[in-house]
């Protein structure tokens, strides 16, 4: 399952620095707008200690983690939906991702220019989201115009689509995100094919800066207003220091934690971001393990065993017979697969089984 998250935001908020920290891949991060013209894609491992414990348990030759793709998309500016800056190209890149990581600057630094001349996180979010809303208004209005002839002919499908899209357009006209509209499963299917920007889940990445004047540390009312605003949206957010995380990305293990302590950064912001992205998308991991390979497989929560099997190969859904399942910790505690089986910890499940996060599975086809 290849899932992609687009990193967006105004120029100079730390998007490319964050991308560098996420992927250890060198992309431009100079201090001026439109430095990043073409999106860069990085494949990021989902941090999961369970995978490596299983690999050690199985004496595995190869260990492959679950992954998420992050796409570095150049800075949006006010008027992007009308073609300002490099807006139309960037909006098309956002349309291609599954979710959005919206980087929001929460630091002041005289050496890092702000495109609007001052730091106001809520205003920055409103600027970005408004451009996404306007782009969606154009998409929905165009679609409504295209189906009007079919509506007049009384085609049921077109009539239903107009009803749903009109509801979406009314929300967009109020400046609301399309995902704020309550839709049935059937209604959601109609909208999904349009790839609306504001239907995508958004994770707000609040970027601070070591040595800068960070709003959260200063008790600044702008930060309080930001948290209240995010709460009103029911939004997911995570606080990171992209610059520090980029520096730390050059180190591993104990050395990394030592430098983290010296810099006064308690949490691993990048791991928190990846996990939060995974959670926001409603994803989880199951495992396969053996001497040749131990691997984490990404699936949506609530997936049945045959659907989960398609992460390995699409044929697994149609050819599915049964699957042997054991919870990862139970397997480790048992000491061996044979012992786990003797203790009744290994179960045989059929097509209706709902896979759980942390299941170790062996498919029979």
Protein backbone atom coordinates (compact mmCIF):
# COMPACT_ATOMS: atom_id res chain seq x y z
CA UNK A 1 0.00 0.00 0.00
CA UNK A 2 1.76 3.13 -1.28
CA UNK A 3 0.44 6.08 0.71
CA UNK A 4 1.75 9.58 0.18
CA UNK A 5 1.63 12.67 2.38
CA UNK A 6 2.28 16.06 0.82
CA UNK A 7 4.28 18.57 2.87
CA UNK A 8 2.78 22.01 2.21
CA UNK A 9 2.87 25.48 3.69
CA UNK A 10 3.84 29.06 3.00
CA UNK A 11 7.41 29.77 1.81
CA UNK A 12 10.10 29.78 4.53
CA UNK A 13 8.18 27.86 7.21
CA UNK A 14 10.57 24.87 7.18
CA UNK A 15 8.99 22.44 4.68
CA UNK A 16 12.18 21.33 2.94
CA UNK A 17 14.12 21.24 6.20
CA UNK A 18 11.44 18.95 7.59
CA UNK A 19 11.59 16.80 4.47
CA UNK A 20 15.37 16.51 4.83
CA UNK A 21 14.95 15.41 8.43
CA UNK A 22 12.30 12.86 7.44
CA UNK A 23 14.16 11.25 4.59
CA UNK A 24 17.83 12.20 5.02
CA UNK A 25 17.52 13.10 1.34
CA UNK A 26 19.13 16.34 0.22
CA UNK A 27 16.66 18.80 -1.27
CA UNK A 28 17.07 22.57 -1.45
CA UNK A 29 16.18 24.44 1.72
CA UNK A 30 17.56 27.92 1.10
CA UNK A 31 15.91 30.90 2.68
CA UNK A 32 13.83 32.24 -0.21
CA UNK A 33 10.43 31.49 -1.78
CA UNK A 34 10.03 28.93 -4.58
CA UNK A 35 13.39 27.31 -3.93
CA UNK A 36 11.65 23.95 -4.33
CA UNK A 37 10.09 23.86 -7.79
CA UNK A 38 9.56 20.17 -8.46
CA UNK A 39 8.28 17.91 -5.68
CA UNK A 40 10.74 15.48 -4.16
CA UNK A 41 9.53 12.14 -2.88
CA UNK A 42 11.06 10.32 0.05
CA UNK A 43 10.17 6.88 1.37
CA UNK A 44 10.11 6.93 5.18
CA UNK A 45 10.13 3.94 7.51
CA UNK A 46 7.40 3.85 10.13
CA UNK A 47 9.26 3.57 13.48
CA UNK A 48 8.26 0.26 15.09
CA UNK A 49 10.33 -1.59 17.69
CA UNK A 50 8.13 -4.67 17.29
CA UNK A 51 9.53 -5.29 13.80
CA UNK A 52 13.13 -5.46 14.99
CA UNK A 53 12.29 -7.64 17.98
CA UNK A 54 10.59 -10.08 15.62
CA UNK A 55 13.57 -9.95 13.27
CA UNK A 56 15.93 -10.80 16.13
CA UNK A 57 13.57 -13.55 17.25
CA UNK A 58 13.52 -15.12 13.76
CA UNK A 59 17.25 -14.54 13.04
CA UNK A 60 16.09 -12.77 9.92
CA UNK A 61 18.40 -12.04 6.98
CA UNK A 62 16.36 -9.05 5.80
CA UNK A 63 14.14 -6.61 7.71
CA UNK A 64 11.68 -4.37 5.84
CA UNK A 65 9.61 -1.80 7.76
CA UNK A 66 6.19 -0.43 6.85
CA UNK A 67 6.58 2.80 4.89
CA UNK A 68 4.94 6.12 4.11
CA UNK A 69 5.91 8.41 1.23
CA UNK A 70 6.43 12.10 1.95
CA UNK A 71 6.29 14.55 -0.94
CA UNK A 72 8.02 17.91 -0.61
CA UNK A 73 5.76 20.43 -2.36
CA UNK A 74 6.93 24.00 -2.94
CA UNK A 75 5.50 26.90 -0.97
CA UNK A 76 1.99 28.12 -1.64
CA UNK A 77 1.16 31.80 -1.54
CA UNK A 78 -2.00 33.86 -1.41
CA UNK A 79 -3.61 33.68 -4.86
CA UNK A 80 -2.19 30.23 -5.68
CA UNK A 81 -5.63 29.05 -6.83
CA UNK A 82 -5.56 31.89 -9.38
CA UNK A 83 -2.07 30.97 -10.56
CA UNK A 84 -0.03 33.26 -8.28
CA UNK A 85 3.53 32.11 -7.62
CA UNK A 86 3.68 28.58 -9.00
CA UNK A 87 0.27 27.83 -7.56
CA UNK A 88 -1.55 25.76 -10.16
CA UNK A 89 1.33 23.31 -10.52
CA UNK A 90 1.61 22.89 -6.74
CA UNK A 91 -2.13 22.44 -6.29
CA UNK A 92 -2.02 19.61 -8.83
CA UNK A 93 0.76 17.96 -6.80
CA UNK A 94 -1.37 18.18 -3.67
CA UNK A 95 -4.25 16.53 -5.54
CA UNK A 96 -2.09 13.43 -6.05
CA UNK A 97 -1.34 12.73 -2.36
CA UNK A 98 -3.48 10.89 0.21
CA UNK A 99 -3.07 13.42 3.02
CA UNK A 100 -1.50 16.77 3.79
CA UNK A 101 1.15 17.71 6.35
CA UNK A 102 0.69 21.48 6.65
CA UNK A 103 3.80 23.08 8.14
CA UNK A 104 3.03 26.11 10.30
CA UNK A 105 5.77 28.39 11.59
CA UNK A 106 5.58 29.11 15.33
CA UNK A 107 8.93 30.90 15.72
CA UNK A 108 10.21 34.40 15.15
CA UNK A 109 13.69 34.89 13.72
CA UNK A 110 14.86 38.15 12.12
CA UNK A 111 17.19 36.16 9.85
CA UNK A 112 14.40 34.05 8.35
CA UNK A 113 11.98 36.18 6.38
CA UNK A 114 8.25 35.56 6.55
CA UNK A 115 6.39 35.95 3.28
CA UNK A 116 3.80 38.22 4.99
CA UNK A 117 6.34 40.13 7.04
CA UNK A 118 5.10 38.83 10.41
CA UNK A 119 4.42 35.51 12.15
CA UNK A 120 0.74 34.68 12.68
CA UNK A 121 0.10 30.91 12.67
CA UNK A 122 -3.71 31.09 12.46
CA UNK A 123 -3.53 33.55 9.57
CA UNK A 124 -1.01 31.33 7.79
CA UNK A 125 -3.31 28.31 8.09
CA UNK A 126 -6.28 30.34 6.88
CA UNK A 127 -4.27 31.54 3.86
CA UNK A 128 -3.29 28.00 2.83
CA UNK A 129 -6.69 26.48 3.51
CA UNK A 130 -8.47 29.28 1.64
CA UNK A 131 -6.43 28.52 -1.47
CA UNK A 132 -7.37 24.85 -1.19
CA UNK A 133 -11.03 25.82 -0.69
CA UNK A 134 -11.05 28.12 -3.73
CA UNK A 135 -9.46 25.41 -5.89
CA UNK A 136 -12.16 22.96 -4.76
CA UNK A 137 -14.90 25.51 -5.45
CA UNK A 138 -13.68 25.70 -9.03
CA UNK A 139 -13.55 21.90 -9.36
CA UNK A 140 -17.05 21.37 -7.92
CA UNK A 141 -18.63 24.21 -9.91
CA UNK A 142 -17.15 22.85 -13.14
CA UNK A 143 -18.46 19.35 -12.39
CA UNK A 144 -21.95 20.69 -11.57
CA UNK A 145 -22.01 22.53 -14.90
CA UNK A 146 -20.93 19.37 -16.74
CA UNK A 147 -23.72 17.20 -15.30
CA UNK A 148 -26.52 19.77 -15.61
CA UNK A 149 -27.73 18.35 -18.94
CA UNK A 150 -27.99 14.85 -17.43
CA UNK A 151 -29.84 16.30 -14.43
CA UNK A 152 -32.39 17.94 -16.73
CA UNK A 153 -32.88 14.61 -18.49
CA UNK A 154 -33.80 13.11 -15.13
CA UNK A 155 -30.86 10.70 -14.80
CA UNK A 156 -30.92 9.42 -11.23
CA UNK A 157 -27.15 9.21 -10.86
CA UNK A 158 -26.67 12.80 -12.00
CA UNK A 159 -29.47 14.04 -9.74
CA UNK A 160 -27.87 12.33 -6.73
CA UNK A 161 -24.43 13.67 -7.64
CA UNK A 162 -25.80 17.20 -7.93
CA UNK A 163 -27.41 16.89 -4.50
CA UNK A 164 -24.12 15.82 -2.91
CA UNK A 165 -21.95 18.34 -4.74
CA UNK A 166 -24.34 21.18 -3.96
CA UNK A 167 -23.97 20.34 -0.26
CA UNK A 168 -20.18 20.38 -0.65
CA UNK A 169 -20.22 23.67 -2.56
CA UNK A 170 -22.36 25.34 0.10
CA UNK A 171 -19.71 24.45 2.71
CA UNK A 172 -16.87 25.65 0.49
CA UNK A 173 -18.69 28.94 -0.13
CA UNK A 174 -18.65 29.48 3.64
CA UNK A 175 -14.88 28.93 3.70
CA UNK A 176 -15.21 25.47 5.26
CA UNK A 177 -13.21 22.40 4.23
CA UNK A 178 -15.11 19.80 2.22
CA UNK A 179 -14.27 17.15 4.82
CA UNK A 180 -16.35 19.10 7.36
CA UNK A 181 -19.50 17.97 5.51
CA UNK A 182 -21.20 14.87 6.91
CA UNK A 183 -21.56 12.30 4.12
CA UNK A 184 -22.94 8.78 3.88
CA UNK A 185 -20.71 6.04 2.44
CA UNK A 186 -22.48 6.31 -0.92
CA UNK A 187 -22.12 10.10 -0.91
CA UNK A 188 -18.44 9.81 -0.05
CA UNK A 189 -17.89 7.51 -3.05
CA UNK A 190 -19.33 10.16 -5.35
CA UNK A 191 -16.99 12.82 -3.97
CA UNK A 192 -13.90 10.59 -3.76
CA UNK A 193 -13.45 10.35 -7.52
CA UNK A 194 -13.02 14.14 -7.69
CA UNK A 195 -9.90 14.13 -5.48
CA UNK A 196 -10.91 17.34 -3.72
CA UNK A 197 -8.04 18.97 -1.87
CA UNK A 198 -10.05 19.79 1.25
CA UNK A 199 -11.37 16.23 1.57
CA UNK A 200 -7.86 15.08 2.40
CA UNK A 201 -6.87 14.59 6.07
CA UNK A 202 -4.60 17.41 7.30
CA UNK A 203 -1.90 17.05 9.96
CA UNK A 204 -0.69 20.45 11.16
CA UNK A 205 3.05 20.43 11.83
CA UNK A 206 3.90 23.27 14.24
CA UNK A 207 7.52 24.09 13.49
CA UNK A 208 9.67 25.78 16.12
CA UNK A 209 13.36 26.73 15.94
CA UNK A 210 16.22 26.28 18.38
CA UNK A 211 17.60 29.72 19.14
CA UNK A 212 14.48 31.40 17.79
CA UNK A 213 11.69 33.06 19.72
CA UNK A 214 9.24 30.16 19.90
CA UNK A 215 5.65 31.14 20.56
CA UNK A 216 4.90 28.03 22.63
CA UNK A 217 7.84 28.70 24.94
CA UNK A 218 7.09 32.41 25.31
CA UNK A 219 3.49 31.82 26.37
CA UNK A 220 2.53 34.02 23.42
CA UNK A 221 -1.21 34.52 22.91
CA UNK A 222 -0.72 33.67 19.23
CA UNK A 223 0.10 30.11 20.26
CA UNK A 224 -2.95 29.93 22.54
CA UNK A 225 -5.14 31.17 19.67
CA UNK A 226 -3.55 28.57 17.37
CA UNK A 227 -4.37 25.68 19.73
CA UNK A 228 -7.92 26.96 20.13
CA UNK A 229 -8.28 27.24 16.35
CA UNK A 230 -6.99 23.69 15.77
CA UNK A 231 -9.37 22.41 18.44
CA UNK A 232 -12.28 24.12 16.65
CA UNK A 233 -11.29 22.23 13.49
CA UNK A 234 -10.95 18.94 15.36
CA UNK A 235 -7.49 18.83 13.79
CA UNK A 236 -4.48 16.56 14.36
CA UNK A 237 -1.22 18.37 15.11
CA UNK A 238 2.34 17.70 16.21
CA UNK A 239 5.10 20.09 17.40
CA UNK A 240 8.57 19.64 15.87
CA UNK A 241 11.83 21.52 15.50
CA UNK A 242 12.62 20.71 11.87
CA UNK A 243 16.10 22.25 12.04
CA UNK A 244 17.16 20.24 15.08
CA UNK A 245 15.63 17.06 13.69
CA UNK A 246 17.52 17.61 10.44
CA UNK A 247 20.80 17.92 12.37
CA UNK A 248 19.97 14.84 14.46
CA UNK A 249 19.10 12.80 11.36
CA UNK A 250 22.86 12.41 10.75
CA UNK A 251 23.19 10.36 13.95
CA UNK A 252 21.83 7.04 15.23
CA UNK A 253 21.21 5.26 18.53
CA UNK A 254 22.87 6.46 21.72
CA UNK A 255 24.84 9.19 19.95
CA UNK A 256 21.60 10.65 18.60
CA UNK A 257 19.97 10.62 22.03
CA UNK A 258 23.06 12.24 23.58
CA UNK A 259 22.93 15.14 21.10
CA UNK A 260 19.17 15.39 21.57
CA UNK A 261 19.73 15.87 25.29
CA UNK A 262 22.43 18.49 24.70
CA UNK A 263 20.05 20.43 22.44
CA UNK A 264 17.32 20.24 25.08
CA UNK A 265 14.87 18.38 22.83
CA UNK A 266 13.01 15.72 24.81
CA UNK A 267 10.84 14.01 22.21
CA UNK A 268 11.70 12.54 18.83
CA UNK A 269 9.63 14.96 16.77
CA UNK A 270 10.12 13.10 13.50
CA UNK A 271 8.99 9.76 14.92
CA UNK A 272 5.99 11.52 16.47
CA UNK A 273 5.17 13.05 13.08
CA UNK A 274 5.39 9.73 11.24
CA UNK A 275 3.30 7.91 13.86
CA UNK A 276 0.72 10.71 13.90
CA UNK A 277 0.50 10.59 10.09
CA UNK A 278 -0.02 6.83 10.24
CA UNK A 279 -2.71 7.26 12.90
CA UNK A 280 -4.45 10.08 11.01
CA UNK A 281 -4.74 7.92 7.90
CA UNK A 282 -6.34 5.13 9.93
CA UNK A 283 -3.46 2.74 9.27
CA UNK A 284 -1.94 -0.10 11.21
CA UNK A 285 0.73 -2.79 10.75
CA UNK A 286 0.76 -6.56 10.69
CA UNK A 287 3.88 -8.67 10.30
CA UNK A 288 5.30 -11.65 8.48
CA UNK A 289 8.47 -13.15 9.91
CA UNK A 290 10.93 -15.92 9.19
CA UNK A 291 14.62 -16.57 8.57
CA UNK A 292 14.56 -15.02 5.12
CA UNK A 293 12.56 -11.87 5.91
CA UNK A 294 10.68 -10.01 8.61
CA UNK A 295 8.39 -7.34 7.26
CA UNK A 296 5.78 -4.82 8.35
CA UNK A 297 2.72 -4.50 6.10
CA UNK A 298 0.54 -1.39 6.05
CA UNK A 299 -3.24 -1.82 5.98
CA UNK A 300 -6.32 0.18 6.95
CA UNK A 301 -7.78 -0.51 10.38
CA UNK A 302 -10.77 -2.85 10.14
CA UNK A 303 -9.40 -4.84 7.18
CA UNK A 304 -10.39 -8.48 6.86
CA UNK A 305 -7.68 -11.12 6.38
CA UNK A 306 -8.17 -11.43 2.58
CA UNK A 307 -7.98 -7.65 2.17
CA UNK A 308 -4.89 -7.51 4.41
CA UNK A 309 -3.31 -10.17 2.22
CA UNK A 310 -3.48 -7.89 -0.82
CA UNK A 311 -0.74 -5.78 0.77
CA UNK A 312 1.53 -8.74 -0.03
CA UNK A 313 -0.04 -9.65 -3.39
CA UNK A 314 -3.35 -8.82 -5.04
CA UNK A 315 -3.96 -12.53 -5.70
CA UNK A 316 -4.24 -13.19 -1.97
CA UNK A 317 -7.79 -11.84 -1.87
CA UNK A 318 -9.23 -14.25 -4.44
CA UNK A 319 -7.02 -17.23 -3.58
CA UNK A 320 -7.37 -16.84 0.19
CA UNK A 321 -8.12 -20.09 2.06
CA UNK A 322 -7.12 -19.36 5.66
CA UNK A 323 -4.47 -17.61 7.70
CA UNK A 324 -2.49 -18.56 10.80
CA UNK A 325 -2.33 -15.73 13.31
CA UNK A 326 -0.39 -15.10 16.51
CA UNK A 327 0.02 -11.79 18.35
CA UNK A 328 3.62 -10.57 18.13
CA UNK A 329 4.22 -10.35 21.90
CA UNK A 330 2.69 -13.79 22.48
CA UNK A 331 5.07 -15.22 19.89
CA UNK A 332 8.11 -13.66 21.55
CA UNK A 333 6.98 -14.76 25.01
CA UNK A 334 6.51 -18.34 23.79
CA UNK A 335 10.14 -18.51 22.64
CA UNK A 336 9.43 -20.28 19.36
CA UNK A 337 6.67 -20.70 16.80
CA UNK A 338 6.34 -24.37 17.79
CA UNK A 339 5.93 -23.51 21.46
CA UNK A 340 3.36 -20.84 20.61
CA UNK A 341 1.39 -23.42 18.65
CA UNK A 342 1.53 -25.94 21.51
CA UNK A 343 0.19 -23.31 23.90
CA UNK A 344 -2.73 -22.57 21.60
CA UNK A 345 -1.51 -19.06 20.83
CA UNK A 346 -1.49 -19.67 17.07
CA UNK A 347 -5.01 -19.52 15.63
CA UNK A 348 -6.40 -20.45 12.25
CA UNK A 349 -8.73 -17.76 10.95
CA UNK A 350 -10.98 -17.47 7.89
CA UNK A 351 -12.21 -14.78 5.52
CA UNK A 352 -14.18 -12.85 8.14
CA UNK A 353 -11.26 -12.32 10.51
CA UNK A 354 -10.55 -8.64 11.26
CA UNK A 355 -6.79 -8.19 11.42
CA UNK A 356 -5.40 -6.56 14.57
CA UNK A 357 -2.43 -4.23 14.86
CA UNK A 358 0.61 -6.37 15.75
CA UNK A 359 -0.68 -9.67 14.35
CA UNK A 360 1.96 -12.00 12.92
CA UNK A 361 0.36 -13.76 9.98
CA UNK A 362 1.06 -16.66 7.63
CA UNK A 363 -1.36 -16.87 4.71
CA UNK A 364 -2.49 -20.16 3.22
CA UNK A 365 -3.53 -19.92 -0.43
